[in-house]
Amino acid sequence: MAKHRLPSSYELADFRTIEQWIEGGHGGSRFDRFDKVAYLIRLHRDELIASGELVPGRGARPTLLGPRFGKVAMRLLRQQADIPDARAITRKARQKRPRGRPRKHIQTSETDRAPAD
C-alpha cells in the first residue's frame, strides 16, 4: 500500500472531496461527473497517491483531492495516450520555426508546375 505524503506547501484545508471538486468546476468538461473521477482514480491510484494529490478515504472518511489534482490527472492521461507534454510541443515548434523571409511556393510534383509554352 502506498504511503500518504502531503507536499509541505499544502494544508488540509487545500483539499476537497470529489463532490466539492466537481461542483467547484475544477474538473471542466473532462471530469464533470463523479464516476469519471472515480474511474481515473481506480486506474491511476498509486501514481495519484505518490504525487500527493490524492488522500484515499476509508469507511465514512471521504477521499480528498489536492489543489493540483486536475493537472496531475491530465499528465497521467497524456502519458497513457502517449501524447507529449505541452511544453515539449511548444519547444519543438520554436525549433522548427524558419528564420528570415518566408520562401515562395516550392513546386513538389509535375502537377504543380505551370504548363510549358
N, C-alpha and C. Protein backbone atom coordinates (compact mmCIF):
# COMPACT_ATOMS: atom_id res chain seq x y z
N MET A 1 0.84 -1.17 0.00
CA MET A 1 0.00 0.00 0.00
C MET A 1 0.89 1.24 0.00
N ALA A 2 0.51 2.25 -0.77
CA ALA A 2 1.30 3.47 -0.89
C ALA A 2 1.17 4.32 0.37
N LYS A 3 2.26 5.02 0.66
CA LYS A 3 2.28 5.88 1.83
C LYS A 3 1.66 7.23 1.46
N HIS A 4 0.95 7.85 2.40
CA HIS A 4 0.33 9.14 2.15
C HIS A 4 1.27 10.24 2.60
N ARG A 5 1.73 11.04 1.64
CA ARG A 5 2.59 12.17 1.97
C ARG A 5 1.98 13.42 1.38
N LEU A 6 1.75 14.42 2.20
CA LEU A 6 1.27 15.70 1.71
C LEU A 6 2.48 16.55 1.35
N PRO A 7 2.45 17.24 0.20
CA PRO A 7 3.54 18.19 -0.08
C PRO A 7 3.59 19.22 1.04
N SER A 8 4.78 19.69 1.35
CA SER A 8 4.97 20.58 2.51
C SER A 8 4.22 21.90 2.36
N SER A 9 3.91 22.32 1.14
CA SER A 9 3.22 23.59 0.94
C SER A 9 1.70 23.46 1.09
N TYR A 10 1.18 22.26 1.23
CA TYR A 10 -0.27 22.04 1.34
C TYR A 10 -0.70 21.98 2.80
N GLU A 11 -1.94 22.42 3.00
CA GLU A 11 -2.59 22.24 4.29
C GLU A 11 -3.85 21.43 4.04
N LEU A 12 -4.41 20.86 5.05
CA LEU A 12 -5.61 20.04 4.89
C LEU A 12 -6.76 20.85 4.29
N ALA A 13 -6.82 22.14 4.57
CA ALA A 13 -7.89 23.00 4.04
C ALA A 13 -7.81 23.15 2.52
N ASP A 14 -6.65 22.85 1.93
CA ASP A 14 -6.48 22.94 0.47
C ASP A 14 -7.15 21.79 -0.26
N PHE A 15 -7.46 20.72 0.43
CA PHE A 15 -8.04 19.53 -0.18
C PHE A 15 -9.56 19.60 -0.20
N ARG A 16 -10.15 18.97 -1.23
CA ARG A 16 -11.60 18.93 -1.41
C ARG A 16 -12.05 17.49 -1.62
N THR A 17 -13.30 17.22 -1.27
CA THR A 17 -13.86 15.91 -1.61
C THR A 17 -14.12 15.90 -3.12
N ILE A 18 -14.37 14.73 -3.67
CA ILE A 18 -14.63 14.64 -5.11
C ILE A 18 -15.84 15.49 -5.48
N GLU A 19 -16.89 15.44 -4.68
CA GLU A 19 -18.10 16.21 -4.97
C GLU A 19 -17.81 17.71 -4.97
N GLN A 20 -17.07 18.19 -3.96
CA GLN A 20 -16.73 19.61 -3.89
C GLN A 20 -15.86 20.02 -5.07
N TRP A 21 -14.95 19.16 -5.46
CA TRP A 21 -14.05 19.44 -6.58
C TRP A 21 -14.83 19.59 -7.88
N ILE A 22 -15.80 18.70 -8.11
CA ILE A 22 -16.61 18.75 -9.33
C ILE A 22 -17.53 19.97 -9.30
N GLU A 23 -18.21 20.20 -8.17
CA GLU A 23 -19.12 21.34 -8.06
C GLU A 23 -18.39 22.68 -8.20
N GLY A 24 -17.14 22.73 -7.80
CA GLY A 24 -16.34 23.94 -7.93
C GLY A 24 -15.88 24.21 -9.36
N GLY A 25 -16.19 23.29 -10.27
CA GLY A 25 -15.83 23.48 -11.67
C GLY A 25 -14.40 23.14 -11.99
N HIS A 26 -13.69 22.50 -11.08
CA HIS A 26 -12.28 22.17 -11.29
C HIS A 26 -12.08 21.06 -12.32
N GLY A 27 -13.11 20.25 -12.54
CA GLY A 27 -12.98 19.12 -13.46
C GLY A 27 -13.22 19.46 -14.91
N GLY A 28 -13.76 20.65 -15.17
CA GLY A 28 -14.06 21.04 -16.54
C GLY A 28 -15.02 20.06 -17.20
N SER A 29 -14.95 19.93 -18.51
CA SER A 29 -15.84 19.01 -19.21
C SER A 29 -15.31 17.58 -19.17
N ARG A 30 -14.02 17.42 -18.92
CA ARG A 30 -13.42 16.08 -18.90
C ARG A 30 -13.87 15.29 -17.67
N PHE A 31 -13.91 15.95 -16.51
CA PHE A 31 -14.28 15.28 -15.26
C PHE A 31 -15.48 16.00 -14.64
N ASP A 32 -16.60 15.95 -15.32
CA ASP A 32 -17.78 16.66 -14.85
C ASP A 32 -18.74 15.78 -14.04
N ARG A 33 -18.39 14.50 -13.88
CA ARG A 33 -19.24 13.58 -13.11
C ARG A 33 -18.38 12.75 -12.16
N PHE A 34 -19.01 12.31 -11.08
CA PHE A 34 -18.32 11.54 -10.06
C PHE A 34 -17.72 10.26 -10.63
N ASP A 35 -18.47 9.56 -11.49
CA ASP A 35 -18.00 8.27 -11.99
C ASP A 35 -16.74 8.42 -12.86
N LYS A 36 -16.60 9.54 -13.55
CA LYS A 36 -15.39 9.76 -14.37
C LYS A 36 -14.16 9.93 -13.48
N VAL A 37 -14.32 10.71 -12.41
CA VAL A 37 -13.20 10.91 -11.48
C VAL A 37 -12.88 9.60 -10.76
N ALA A 38 -13.89 8.88 -10.35
CA ALA A 38 -13.67 7.61 -9.65
C ALA A 38 -12.95 6.61 -10.55
N TYR A 39 -13.29 6.59 -11.84
CA TYR A 39 -12.64 5.67 -12.77
C TYR A 39 -11.16 6.05 -12.94
N LEU A 40 -10.87 7.34 -13.06
CA LEU A 40 -9.48 7.78 -13.16
C LEU A 40 -8.69 7.38 -11.91
N ILE A 41 -9.30 7.55 -10.76
CA ILE A 41 -8.64 7.19 -9.51
C ILE A 41 -8.39 5.68 -9.46
N ARG A 42 -9.35 4.89 -9.93
CA ARG A 42 -9.16 3.44 -9.96
C ARG A 42 -7.99 3.06 -10.86
N LEU A 43 -7.87 3.72 -12.01
CA LEU A 43 -6.80 3.39 -12.96
C LEU A 43 -5.42 3.82 -12.47
N HIS A 44 -5.33 4.98 -11.86
CA HIS A 44 -4.03 5.58 -11.54
C HIS A 44 -3.87 5.88 -10.05
N ARG A 45 -4.43 5.04 -9.22
CA ARG A 45 -4.43 5.26 -7.77
C ARG A 45 -3.03 5.47 -7.20
N ASP A 46 -2.11 4.57 -7.51
CA ASP A 46 -0.77 4.65 -6.93
C ASP A 46 -0.03 5.92 -7.36
N GLU A 47 -0.14 6.29 -8.64
CA GLU A 47 0.53 7.49 -9.13
C GLU A 47 -0.05 8.75 -8.47
N LEU A 48 -1.37 8.78 -8.30
CA LEU A 48 -2.02 9.94 -7.68
C LEU A 48 -1.64 10.07 -6.20
N ILE A 49 -1.56 8.94 -5.52
CA ILE A 49 -1.14 8.97 -4.11
C ILE A 49 0.31 9.42 -4.01
N ALA A 50 1.16 8.89 -4.90
CA ALA A 50 2.58 9.26 -4.87
C ALA A 50 2.78 10.74 -5.17
N SER A 51 1.91 11.33 -5.98
CA SER A 51 2.04 12.76 -6.31
C SER A 51 1.58 13.65 -5.16
N GLY A 52 0.88 13.08 -4.19
CA GLY A 52 0.39 13.86 -3.05
C GLY A 52 -0.94 14.55 -3.33
N GLU A 53 -1.57 14.24 -4.47
CA GLU A 53 -2.82 14.89 -4.84
C GLU A 53 -4.05 14.05 -4.50
N LEU A 54 -3.85 12.87 -3.94
CA LEU A 54 -4.97 12.01 -3.57
C LEU A 54 -4.73 11.46 -2.17
N VAL A 55 -5.71 11.68 -1.32
CA VAL A 55 -5.71 11.08 0.01
C VAL A 55 -6.94 10.18 0.05
N PRO A 56 -6.74 8.86 -0.11
CA PRO A 56 -7.89 7.96 -0.18
C PRO A 56 -8.61 7.88 1.16
N GLY A 57 -9.93 7.80 1.07
CA GLY A 57 -10.74 7.69 2.28
C GLY A 57 -11.05 6.24 2.59
N ARG A 58 -11.50 6.02 3.81
CA ARG A 58 -11.92 4.68 4.24
C ARG A 58 -13.17 4.82 5.08
N GLY A 59 -14.08 3.91 4.87
CA GLY A 59 -15.32 3.95 5.66
C GLY A 59 -16.07 5.24 5.42
N ALA A 60 -16.36 5.97 6.49
CA ALA A 60 -17.10 7.23 6.38
C ALA A 60 -16.21 8.40 5.96
N ARG A 61 -14.91 8.22 6.02
CA ARG A 61 -13.99 9.31 5.66
C ARG A 61 -13.90 9.41 4.13
N PRO A 62 -14.19 10.58 3.55
CA PRO A 62 -14.20 10.70 2.09
C PRO A 62 -12.79 10.79 1.51
N THR A 63 -12.69 10.45 0.24
CA THR A 63 -11.44 10.63 -0.50
C THR A 63 -11.25 12.11 -0.75
N LEU A 64 -10.02 12.60 -0.56
CA LEU A 64 -9.72 14.01 -0.76
C LEU A 64 -8.80 14.21 -1.95
N LEU A 65 -9.06 15.29 -2.70
CA LEU A 65 -8.26 15.64 -3.87
C LEU A 65 -7.49 16.93 -3.60
N GLY A 66 -6.23 16.95 -3.98
CA GLY A 66 -5.38 18.11 -3.77
C GLY A 66 -5.64 19.22 -4.78
N PRO A 67 -5.05 20.38 -4.54
CA PRO A 67 -5.27 21.54 -5.41
C PRO A 67 -4.75 21.35 -6.84
N ARG A 68 -3.77 20.49 -7.04
CA ARG A 68 -3.23 20.28 -8.39
C ARG A 68 -3.67 18.93 -8.98
N PHE A 69 -4.76 18.37 -8.47
CA PHE A 69 -5.24 17.07 -8.93
C PHE A 69 -5.52 17.08 -10.43
N GLY A 70 -6.17 18.12 -10.92
CA GLY A 70 -6.51 18.21 -12.34
C GLY A 70 -5.29 18.17 -13.24
N LYS A 71 -4.24 18.90 -12.87
CA LYS A 71 -3.01 18.92 -13.67
C LYS A 71 -2.34 17.55 -13.67
N VAL A 72 -2.29 16.92 -12.52
CA VAL A 72 -1.68 15.59 -12.43
C VAL A 72 -2.51 14.59 -13.22
N ALA A 73 -3.83 14.69 -13.15
CA ALA A 73 -4.71 13.78 -13.89
C ALA A 73 -4.49 13.92 -15.40
N MET A 74 -4.40 15.15 -15.88
CA MET A 74 -4.19 15.36 -17.32
C MET A 74 -2.82 14.85 -17.75
N ARG A 75 -1.81 15.01 -16.91
CA ARG A 75 -0.48 14.49 -17.24
C ARG A 75 -0.52 12.96 -17.35
N LEU A 76 -1.24 12.33 -16.44
CA LEU A 76 -1.37 10.86 -16.48
C LEU A 76 -2.12 10.41 -17.73
N LEU A 77 -3.16 11.14 -18.10
CA LEU A 77 -3.90 10.78 -19.31
C LEU A 77 -3.06 10.97 -20.56
N ARG A 78 -2.25 12.04 -20.59
CA ARG A 78 -1.35 12.26 -21.74
C ARG A 78 -0.33 11.13 -21.84
N GLN A 79 0.21 10.72 -20.69
CA GLN A 79 1.18 9.62 -20.70
C GLN A 79 0.52 8.34 -21.18
N GLN A 80 -0.69 8.10 -20.75
CA GLN A 80 -1.41 6.89 -21.14
C GLN A 80 -1.68 6.90 -22.65
N ALA A 81 -1.97 8.06 -23.20
CA ALA A 81 -2.25 8.17 -24.64
C ALA A 81 -0.98 8.41 -25.45
N ASP A 82 0.16 8.51 -24.77
CA ASP A 82 1.45 8.75 -25.40
C ASP A 82 1.46 10.08 -26.15
N ILE A 83 0.88 11.12 -25.54
CA ILE A 83 0.89 12.47 -26.10
C ILE A 83 1.95 13.25 -25.33
N PRO A 84 2.85 13.95 -26.04
CA PRO A 84 3.90 14.68 -25.33
C PRO A 84 3.33 15.85 -24.52
N ASP A 85 4.09 16.28 -23.57
CA ASP A 85 3.74 17.40 -22.72
C ASP A 85 3.63 18.66 -23.58
N ALA A 86 2.75 19.58 -23.22
CA ALA A 86 2.54 20.81 -24.00
C ALA A 86 3.82 21.63 -24.09
N ARG A 87 4.63 21.65 -23.05
CA ARG A 87 5.88 22.41 -23.10
C ARG A 87 6.83 21.84 -24.14
N ALA A 88 6.86 20.52 -24.27
CA ALA A 88 7.73 19.90 -25.26
C ALA A 88 7.25 20.23 -26.67
N ILE A 89 5.93 20.27 -26.87
CA ILE A 89 5.38 20.63 -28.18
C ILE A 89 5.77 22.05 -28.53
N THR A 90 5.65 22.97 -27.58
CA THR A 90 5.99 24.37 -27.81
C THR A 90 7.48 24.51 -28.14
N ARG A 91 8.32 23.80 -27.42
CA ARG A 91 9.76 23.84 -27.68
C ARG A 91 10.07 23.37 -29.10
N LYS A 92 9.43 22.27 -29.52
CA LYS A 92 9.66 21.75 -30.87
C LYS A 92 9.21 22.76 -31.92
N ALA A 93 8.07 23.39 -31.69
CA ALA A 93 7.55 24.37 -32.65
C ALA A 93 8.51 25.54 -32.79
N ARG A 94 9.10 25.98 -31.68
CA ARG A 94 10.06 27.09 -31.74
C ARG A 94 11.31 26.68 -32.51
N GLN A 95 11.73 25.45 -32.35
CA GLN A 95 12.94 25.00 -33.04
C GLN A 95 12.72 24.88 -34.54
N LYS A 96 11.51 24.52 -34.96
CA LYS A 96 11.23 24.32 -36.38
C LYS A 96 10.86 25.61 -37.10
N ARG A 97 10.64 26.69 -36.38
CA ARG A 97 10.22 27.94 -36.99
C ARG A 97 11.32 28.48 -37.90
N PRO A 98 11.01 28.77 -39.17
CA PRO A 98 12.04 29.27 -40.09
C PRO A 98 12.45 30.70 -39.73
N ARG A 99 13.67 31.02 -39.98
CA ARG A 99 14.21 32.36 -39.72
C ARG A 99 14.22 33.16 -41.02
N GLY A 100 14.14 34.47 -40.93
CA GLY A 100 14.25 35.32 -42.11
C GLY A 100 12.95 35.39 -42.90
N ARG A 101 13.08 35.76 -44.18
CA ARG A 101 11.91 35.93 -45.04
C ARG A 101 11.30 34.57 -45.39
N PRO A 102 9.97 34.51 -45.50
CA PRO A 102 9.35 33.24 -45.89
C PRO A 102 9.65 32.92 -47.35
N ARG A 103 9.78 31.65 -47.65
CA ARG A 103 10.05 31.21 -49.02
C ARG A 103 8.80 31.30 -49.87
N LYS A 104 9.02 31.40 -51.18
CA LYS A 104 7.90 31.34 -52.11
C LYS A 104 7.50 29.88 -52.26
N HIS A 105 6.37 29.66 -52.91
CA HIS A 105 5.86 28.29 -53.10
C HIS A 105 6.90 27.43 -53.79
N ILE A 106 7.12 26.24 -53.27
CA ILE A 106 8.08 25.30 -53.86
C ILE A 106 7.28 24.25 -54.62
N GLN A 107 7.62 24.06 -55.88
CA GLN A 107 6.93 23.06 -56.68
C GLN A 107 7.42 21.67 -56.27
N THR A 108 6.47 20.80 -55.99
CA THR A 108 6.86 19.48 -55.48
C THR A 108 6.52 18.36 -56.44
N SER A 109 5.69 18.59 -57.41
CA SER A 109 5.35 17.50 -58.33
C SER A 109 5.06 18.06 -59.73
N GLU A 110 4.87 17.17 -60.66
CA GLU A 110 4.61 17.56 -62.04
C GLU A 110 3.32 18.37 -62.15
N THR A 111 2.32 18.05 -61.35
CA THR A 111 1.02 18.74 -61.46
C THR A 111 1.09 20.15 -60.94
N ASP A 112 2.10 20.48 -60.10
CA ASP A 112 2.23 21.83 -59.58
C ASP A 112 2.87 22.77 -60.58
N ARG A 113 3.57 22.25 -61.53
CA ARG A 113 4.31 23.10 -62.47
C ARG A 113 3.37 23.70 -63.51
N ALA A 114 3.75 24.89 -63.94
CA ALA A 114 2.97 25.58 -64.97
C ALA A 114 3.20 24.88 -66.31
N PRO A 115 2.18 24.86 -67.18
CA PRO A 115 2.36 24.21 -68.47
C PRO A 115 3.39 24.95 -69.32
N ALA A 116 4.17 24.19 -70.08
CA ALA A 116 5.20 24.78 -70.94
C ALA A 116 4.52 25.39 -72.17
N ASP A 117 5.12 26.47 -72.70
CA ASP A 117 4.57 27.14 -73.89
C ASP A 117 4.89 26.43 -75.15
